[in-house]
N, C-alpha and C. Protein backbone atom coordinates (compact mmCIF):
# COMPACT_ATOMS: atom_id res chain seq x y z
N MET A 1 0.82 -1.16 0.16
CA MET A 1 0.19 -0.10 0.02
C MET A 1 0.82 1.32 0.01
N GLN A 2 1.94 1.19 0.66
CA GLN A 2 2.78 2.40 0.84
C GLN A 2 3.55 2.52 -0.56
N ILE A 3 3.85 1.55 -1.11
CA ILE A 3 4.58 1.76 -2.42
C ILE A 3 3.87 2.35 -3.48
N ILE A 4 2.32 2.09 -3.49
CA ILE A 4 1.27 2.51 -4.39
C ILE A 4 1.20 4.04 -4.07
N LEU A 5 1.06 4.31 -2.81
CA LEU A 5 0.76 5.76 -2.29
C LEU A 5 2.07 6.77 -2.83
N GLY A 6 3.23 5.96 -2.60
CA GLY A 6 4.41 6.76 -2.96
C GLY A 6 4.59 6.97 -4.54
N VAL A 7 4.29 5.93 -5.27
CA VAL A 7 4.22 6.15 -6.82
C VAL A 7 3.17 7.32 -7.13
N LEU A 8 1.87 7.12 -6.56
CA LEU A 8 0.98 8.13 -6.92
C LEU A 8 1.23 9.64 -6.49
N ALA A 9 1.89 9.79 -5.51
CA ALA A 9 2.50 11.14 -4.94
C ALA A 9 3.48 11.63 -5.88
N LEU A 10 4.41 10.56 -6.36
CA LEU A 10 5.46 11.00 -7.27
C LEU A 10 5.02 11.46 -8.59
N VAL A 11 3.93 10.67 -9.23
CA VAL A 11 3.44 11.04 -10.45
C VAL A 11 2.76 12.36 -10.28
N ILE A 12 1.91 12.66 -9.17
CA ILE A 12 1.25 14.01 -9.00
C ILE A 12 2.34 15.09 -9.00
N ILE A 13 3.26 14.89 -8.31
CA ILE A 13 4.45 15.98 -8.12
C ILE A 13 5.12 16.05 -9.66
N ILE A 14 5.42 14.87 -10.17
CA ILE A 14 6.01 15.24 -11.50
C ILE A 14 5.01 16.03 -12.61
N PHE A 15 3.86 15.61 -12.31
CA PHE A 15 2.79 16.28 -13.35
C PHE A 15 2.83 17.80 -12.96
N LEU A 16 2.80 17.99 -11.72
CA LEU A 16 2.84 19.66 -11.53
C LEU A 16 4.01 20.24 -11.73
N VAL A 17 5.07 19.69 -11.64
CA VAL A 17 6.45 20.29 -11.88
C VAL A 17 6.40 20.54 -13.56
N LEU A 18 5.92 19.57 -14.35
CA LEU A 18 5.98 19.60 -15.74
C LEU A 18 4.93 20.59 -16.63
N THR A 19 3.88 20.94 -15.63
CA THR A 19 2.99 21.76 -16.21
C THR A 19 3.33 23.11 -16.71
N LYS A 20 2.75 23.70 -17.45
CA LYS A 20 3.20 25.08 -17.81
C LYS A 20 2.81 26.09 -16.69
N GLU A 21 3.67 27.29 -16.77
CA GLU A 21 3.17 28.34 -15.82
C GLU A 21 2.00 28.77 -15.78
N GLY A 22 1.37 28.85 -16.89
CA GLY A 22 0.01 29.49 -17.01
C GLY A 22 -1.00 28.71 -16.49
N ASP A 23 -0.96 27.48 -16.35
CA ASP A 23 -1.96 26.55 -15.81
C ASP A 23 -2.15 26.64 -14.36
N PHE A 24 -1.01 26.52 -13.64
CA PHE A 24 -0.82 26.57 -12.17
C PHE A 24 0.15 27.75 -11.90
N SER A 25 -0.23 28.63 -10.80
CA SER A 25 0.91 29.59 -10.43
C SER A 25 2.09 28.87 -9.55
N GLN A 26 2.95 29.39 -9.40
CA GLN A 26 4.08 28.67 -8.47
C GLN A 26 3.78 28.42 -7.21
N LYS A 27 2.82 29.20 -6.54
CA LYS A 27 2.35 29.12 -5.33
C LYS A 27 1.37 27.93 -5.06
N LYS A 28 0.50 27.82 -6.05
CA LYS A 28 -0.76 26.90 -6.19
C LYS A 28 0.15 25.49 -6.29
N LYS A 29 1.19 25.57 -7.14
CA LYS A 29 1.70 24.23 -7.34
C LYS A 29 2.39 23.64 -5.93
N MET A 30 3.22 24.58 -5.15
CA MET A 30 3.89 24.30 -4.13
C MET A 30 2.75 23.98 -2.98
N LYS A 31 1.56 24.46 -2.93
CA LYS A 31 0.52 24.21 -1.89
C LYS A 31 0.09 22.62 -2.35
N ILE A 32 -0.04 22.25 -3.43
CA ILE A 32 -0.60 20.97 -3.89
C ILE A 32 0.47 20.01 -3.63
N ILE A 33 1.64 20.32 -3.74
CA ILE A 33 2.81 19.39 -3.54
C ILE A 33 3.10 19.07 -2.25
N LYS A 34 2.98 20.34 -1.33
CA LYS A 34 2.94 20.03 0.16
C LYS A 34 1.87 19.38 0.57
N SER A 35 0.51 19.56 0.19
CA SER A 35 -0.56 18.68 0.51
C SER A 35 -0.26 17.15 0.31
N VAL A 36 0.22 17.06 -0.86
CA VAL A 36 0.40 15.49 -1.13
C VAL A 36 1.35 14.93 -0.34
N ILE A 37 2.44 15.63 -0.07
CA ILE A 37 3.42 14.99 0.78
C ILE A 37 2.89 14.78 2.24
N VAL A 38 2.21 15.74 2.91
CA VAL A 38 1.50 15.76 4.04
C VAL A 38 0.55 14.39 4.18
N ALA A 39 -0.25 14.23 2.97
CA ALA A 39 -1.11 13.19 3.06
C ALA A 39 -0.37 11.86 2.96
N VAL A 40 0.60 11.69 2.10
CA VAL A 40 1.30 10.72 1.96
C VAL A 40 2.00 10.18 3.24
N ILE A 41 2.66 11.24 4.06
CA ILE A 41 3.16 10.91 5.27
C ILE A 41 2.20 10.41 6.59
N ALA A 42 0.94 11.07 6.53
CA ALA A 42 -0.04 10.63 7.38
C ALA A 42 -0.64 9.14 7.09
N LEU A 43 -0.66 8.93 5.84
CA LEU A 43 -1.16 7.64 5.38
C LEU A 43 -0.02 6.73 5.77
N TRP A 44 1.31 6.98 5.54
CA TRP A 44 2.30 6.10 6.01
C TRP A 44 2.26 5.64 7.44
N PHE A 45 2.16 6.71 8.26
CA PHE A 45 1.90 6.55 9.81
C PHE A 45 0.76 5.80 10.21
N TYR A 46 -0.43 5.94 9.58
CA TYR A 46 -1.51 5.28 9.70
C TYR A 46 -1.29 3.65 9.42
N GLU A 47 -0.74 3.48 8.17
CA GLU A 47 -0.39 2.06 7.89
C GLU A 47 0.55 1.34 8.81
N MET A 48 1.55 2.07 9.44
CA MET A 48 2.49 1.63 10.33
C MET A 48 1.74 1.27 11.73
N ILE A 49 0.71 2.01 12.22
CA ILE A 49 0.14 1.79 13.26
C ILE A 49 -0.69 0.46 12.94
N VAL A 50 -1.52 0.40 11.86
CA VAL A 50 -2.34 -0.96 11.62
C VAL A 50 -1.28 -2.11 11.62
N ASP A 51 -0.20 -1.91 10.94
CA ASP A 51 0.70 -3.13 10.87
C ASP A 51 1.18 -3.41 12.09
N THR A 52 1.48 -2.57 13.12
CA THR A 52 1.92 -2.89 14.54
C THR A 52 0.72 -3.58 15.04
N ASN A 53 -0.43 -3.25 15.11
CA ASN A 53 -1.55 -3.69 15.75
C ASN A 53 -1.68 -5.11 15.20
N ALA A 54 -1.71 -5.43 14.02
CA ALA A 54 -1.89 -6.58 13.40
C ALA A 54 -0.74 -7.70 13.89
N ASP A 55 0.44 -7.14 13.69
CA ASP A 55 1.50 -8.05 14.36
C ASP A 55 1.32 -8.50 15.80
N ASN A 56 0.93 -7.69 16.53
CA ASN A 56 0.52 -7.84 18.01
C ASN A 56 -0.55 -8.86 18.09
N LYS A 57 -1.59 -8.89 17.37
CA LYS A 57 -2.68 -9.84 17.36
C LYS A 57 -2.18 -11.07 16.92
N ARG A 58 -1.38 -11.15 15.85
CA ARG A 58 -0.76 -12.34 15.27
C ARG A 58 0.22 -13.01 16.40
N GLU A 59 0.80 -12.22 17.08
CA GLU A 59 1.70 -12.85 18.13
C GLU A 59 0.78 -13.58 19.28
N ILE A 60 -0.21 -12.78 19.66
CA ILE A 60 -1.04 -13.46 20.76
C ILE A 60 -1.68 -14.50 20.39
N VAL A 61 -2.13 -14.72 18.98
CA VAL A 61 -2.91 -15.87 18.69
C VAL A 61 -1.92 -17.03 18.44
N LEU A 62 -0.77 -16.64 18.17
CA LEU A 62 0.25 -17.83 17.73
C LEU A 62 0.58 -18.34 19.09
N ALA A 63 0.79 -17.42 20.22
CA ALA A 63 1.07 -17.95 21.50
C ALA A 63 -0.07 -18.72 22.09
N PHE A 64 -1.30 -18.30 21.94
CA PHE A 64 -2.43 -19.28 22.42
C PHE A 64 -2.47 -20.44 21.72
N ASN A 65 -2.11 -20.65 20.39
CA ASN A 65 -2.27 -21.74 19.72
C ASN A 65 -0.94 -22.72 20.12
N HIS A 66 0.00 -22.25 20.52
CA HIS A 66 1.13 -22.88 21.13
C HIS A 66 1.02 -23.37 22.59
N GLY A 67 -0.15 -23.14 23.05
CA GLY A 67 -0.46 -23.38 24.69
C GLY A 67 -0.10 -22.39 25.59
N LYS A 68 0.48 -21.26 25.32
CA LYS A 68 0.83 -20.28 26.15
C LYS A 68 -0.47 -19.73 26.77
N GLU A 69 -0.41 -19.13 27.95
CA GLU A 69 -1.42 -18.53 28.74
C GLU A 69 -1.53 -16.98 28.21
N ILE A 70 -2.76 -16.64 28.02
CA ILE A 70 -3.07 -15.06 27.64
C ILE A 70 -3.73 -14.50 28.72
N LEU A 71 -3.37 -13.29 29.00
CA LEU A 71 -4.16 -12.55 29.87
C LEU A 71 -5.08 -11.67 29.36
N CYS A 72 -6.29 -11.69 29.95
CA CYS A 72 -7.47 -10.72 29.41
C CYS A 72 -8.23 -10.31 30.41
N ARG A 73 -8.43 -9.14 30.60
CA ARG A 73 -8.99 -8.51 31.67
C ARG A 73 -8.67 -9.22 33.09
N ASN A 74 -7.39 -9.30 33.26
CA ASN A 74 -7.18 -10.04 34.53
C ASN A 74 -7.33 -11.46 34.70
N ASP A 75 -7.81 -11.97 33.61
CA ASP A 75 -8.34 -13.55 33.81
C ASP A 75 -7.35 -14.33 32.71
N THR A 76 -6.99 -15.46 32.97
CA THR A 76 -6.18 -16.22 32.27
C THR A 76 -7.08 -16.92 31.30
N VAL A 77 -6.62 -16.90 30.09
CA VAL A 77 -7.13 -17.72 28.95
C VAL A 77 -6.12 -18.53 28.25
N THR A 78 -6.71 -19.98 28.44
CA THR A 78 -5.85 -21.15 27.95
C THR A 78 -6.57 -21.90 26.71
N LYS A 79 -5.97 -22.56 26.18
CA LYS A 79 -6.44 -23.46 25.01
C LYS A 79 -7.46 -24.44 25.41
N GLU A 80 -7.31 -24.81 26.69
CA GLU A 80 -8.17 -25.86 27.30
C GLU A 80 -9.55 -25.41 27.49
N PHE A 81 -9.77 -24.09 27.89
CA PHE A 81 -11.06 -23.64 28.40
C PHE A 81 -11.52 -22.54 27.21
N PHE A 82 -10.82 -22.28 26.24
CA PHE A 82 -11.22 -21.24 25.21
C PHE A 82 -10.74 -21.49 23.92
N TYR A 83 -11.39 -20.97 23.02
CA TYR A 83 -11.05 -21.18 21.60
C TYR A 83 -10.91 -19.81 20.86
N TYR A 84 -10.17 -19.71 19.90
CA TYR A 84 -10.09 -18.24 19.29
C TYR A 84 -11.12 -18.36 17.96
N GLU A 85 -11.72 -17.30 18.01
CA GLU A 85 -12.68 -16.90 16.94
C GLU A 85 -12.31 -16.09 15.89
N ASN A 86 -11.83 -16.52 14.83
CA ASN A 86 -11.26 -15.63 13.78
C ASN A 86 -12.10 -14.46 13.29
N GLY A 87 -13.38 -14.72 13.09
CA GLY A 87 -14.32 -13.69 12.51
C GLY A 87 -14.43 -12.44 13.55
N THR A 88 -14.65 -12.74 14.70
CA THR A 88 -14.62 -11.62 15.80
C THR A 88 -13.40 -11.26 16.42
N GLU A 89 -12.32 -11.88 16.13
CA GLU A 89 -10.94 -11.78 16.53
C GLU A 89 -11.23 -11.74 18.25
N SER A 90 -11.62 -12.78 18.74
CA SER A 90 -12.00 -12.84 20.35
C SER A 90 -11.82 -14.25 20.76
N PHE A 91 -11.63 -14.30 22.02
CA PHE A 91 -11.36 -15.65 22.60
C PHE A 91 -12.78 -15.82 23.28
N VAL A 92 -13.29 -17.16 22.89
CA VAL A 92 -14.62 -17.48 23.51
C VAL A 92 -14.60 -18.76 24.31
N SER A 93 -15.15 -18.75 25.49
CA SER A 93 -14.96 -19.89 26.37
C SER A 93 -15.80 -21.16 25.61
N ASN A 94 -15.33 -22.33 25.94
CA ASN A 94 -16.05 -23.59 25.56
C ASN A 94 -16.79 -24.15 26.62
N ASP A 95 -17.30 -25.36 26.63
CA ASP A 95 -17.97 -25.96 27.49
C ASP A 95 -17.53 -26.62 28.69
N LYS A 96 -16.15 -26.63 28.57
CA LYS A 96 -15.54 -27.53 29.65
C LYS A 96 -15.48 -26.95 31.04
N ASN A 97 -15.79 -25.82 31.37
CA ASN A 97 -15.74 -25.28 32.57
C ASN A 97 -17.13 -24.39 32.76
N SER A 98 -17.93 -24.65 33.43
CA SER A 98 -19.36 -23.95 33.63
C SER A 98 -18.94 -22.61 34.26
N SER A 99 -18.11 -22.40 34.87
CA SER A 99 -17.71 -21.06 35.64
C SER A 99 -17.41 -20.08 34.56
N LEU A 100 -16.73 -20.57 33.40
CA LEU A 100 -16.36 -19.83 32.45
C LEU A 100 -17.38 -19.58 31.27
N SER A 101 -18.61 -20.14 31.44
CA SER A 101 -19.42 -20.03 30.28
C SER A 101 -19.79 -18.66 29.82
N ASP A 102 -20.04 -18.45 28.39
CA ASP A 102 -20.33 -17.31 27.92
C ASP A 102 -19.48 -16.09 28.10
N LEU A 103 -18.24 -16.37 28.40
CA LEU A 103 -17.09 -15.45 28.42
C LEU A 103 -16.37 -15.13 26.90
N ILE A 104 -16.55 -13.85 26.66
CA ILE A 104 -15.81 -13.53 25.36
C ILE A 104 -14.84 -12.38 25.60
N TYR A 105 -13.61 -12.49 25.27
CA TYR A 105 -12.68 -11.54 25.43
C TYR A 105 -12.04 -11.16 23.97
N PRO A 106 -12.33 -9.87 23.76
CA PRO A 106 -11.83 -9.42 22.32
C PRO A 106 -10.27 -9.33 22.54
N ILE A 107 -9.64 -9.49 21.34
CA ILE A 107 -8.27 -9.82 21.50
C ILE A 107 -7.55 -8.41 21.87
N GLN A 108 -8.14 -7.26 21.65
CA GLN A 108 -7.66 -5.99 22.05
C GLN A 108 -7.32 -6.01 23.19
N GLU A 109 -8.17 -6.41 24.16
CA GLU A 109 -7.99 -6.51 25.62
C GLU A 109 -7.07 -7.49 26.22
N CYS A 110 -6.30 -8.23 25.31
CA CYS A 110 -5.51 -9.39 25.84
C CYS A 110 -4.00 -9.14 25.43
N GLU A 111 -3.22 -9.79 26.29
CA GLU A 111 -1.76 -9.81 26.06
C GLU A 111 -1.17 -11.21 26.54
N ILE A 112 0.00 -11.42 26.04
CA ILE A 112 0.65 -12.62 26.49
C ILE A 112 1.08 -12.57 27.90
N LYS A 113 0.56 -13.63 28.69
CA LYS A 113 1.09 -13.71 30.00
C LYS A 113 2.55 -13.98 30.31
N SER A 114 3.33 -12.88 31.02
CA SER A 114 4.77 -12.97 31.15
C SER A 114 4.76 -14.11 32.19
N GLU A 115 5.91 -14.90 31.98
CA GLU A 115 6.24 -15.99 32.96
C GLU A 115 7.08 -15.56 33.92
């Protein structure tokens, strides 16, 4: 995604640089170029945050699948009593323990339990 945005910004900037002076004033060209650069930087930061969140979720699910304990809202989630639901990105209790029935923990509220 970032490569596509970079290429698009580069094409817009090259287009503006090569246009005749009568079409756009120098001030207008600079404003457009600055706006494109700011938009690309903002989108790059957004993509970086989204990628980091996805990596964190992937690490939690991987640890859960390998039998490690996950901490959600101060409760321990294990593969024995929970399963991971991909569609809702949450840990859902199974029927093995009645005291845990109907518990659902969104993955955003969870972290890998430190040993």
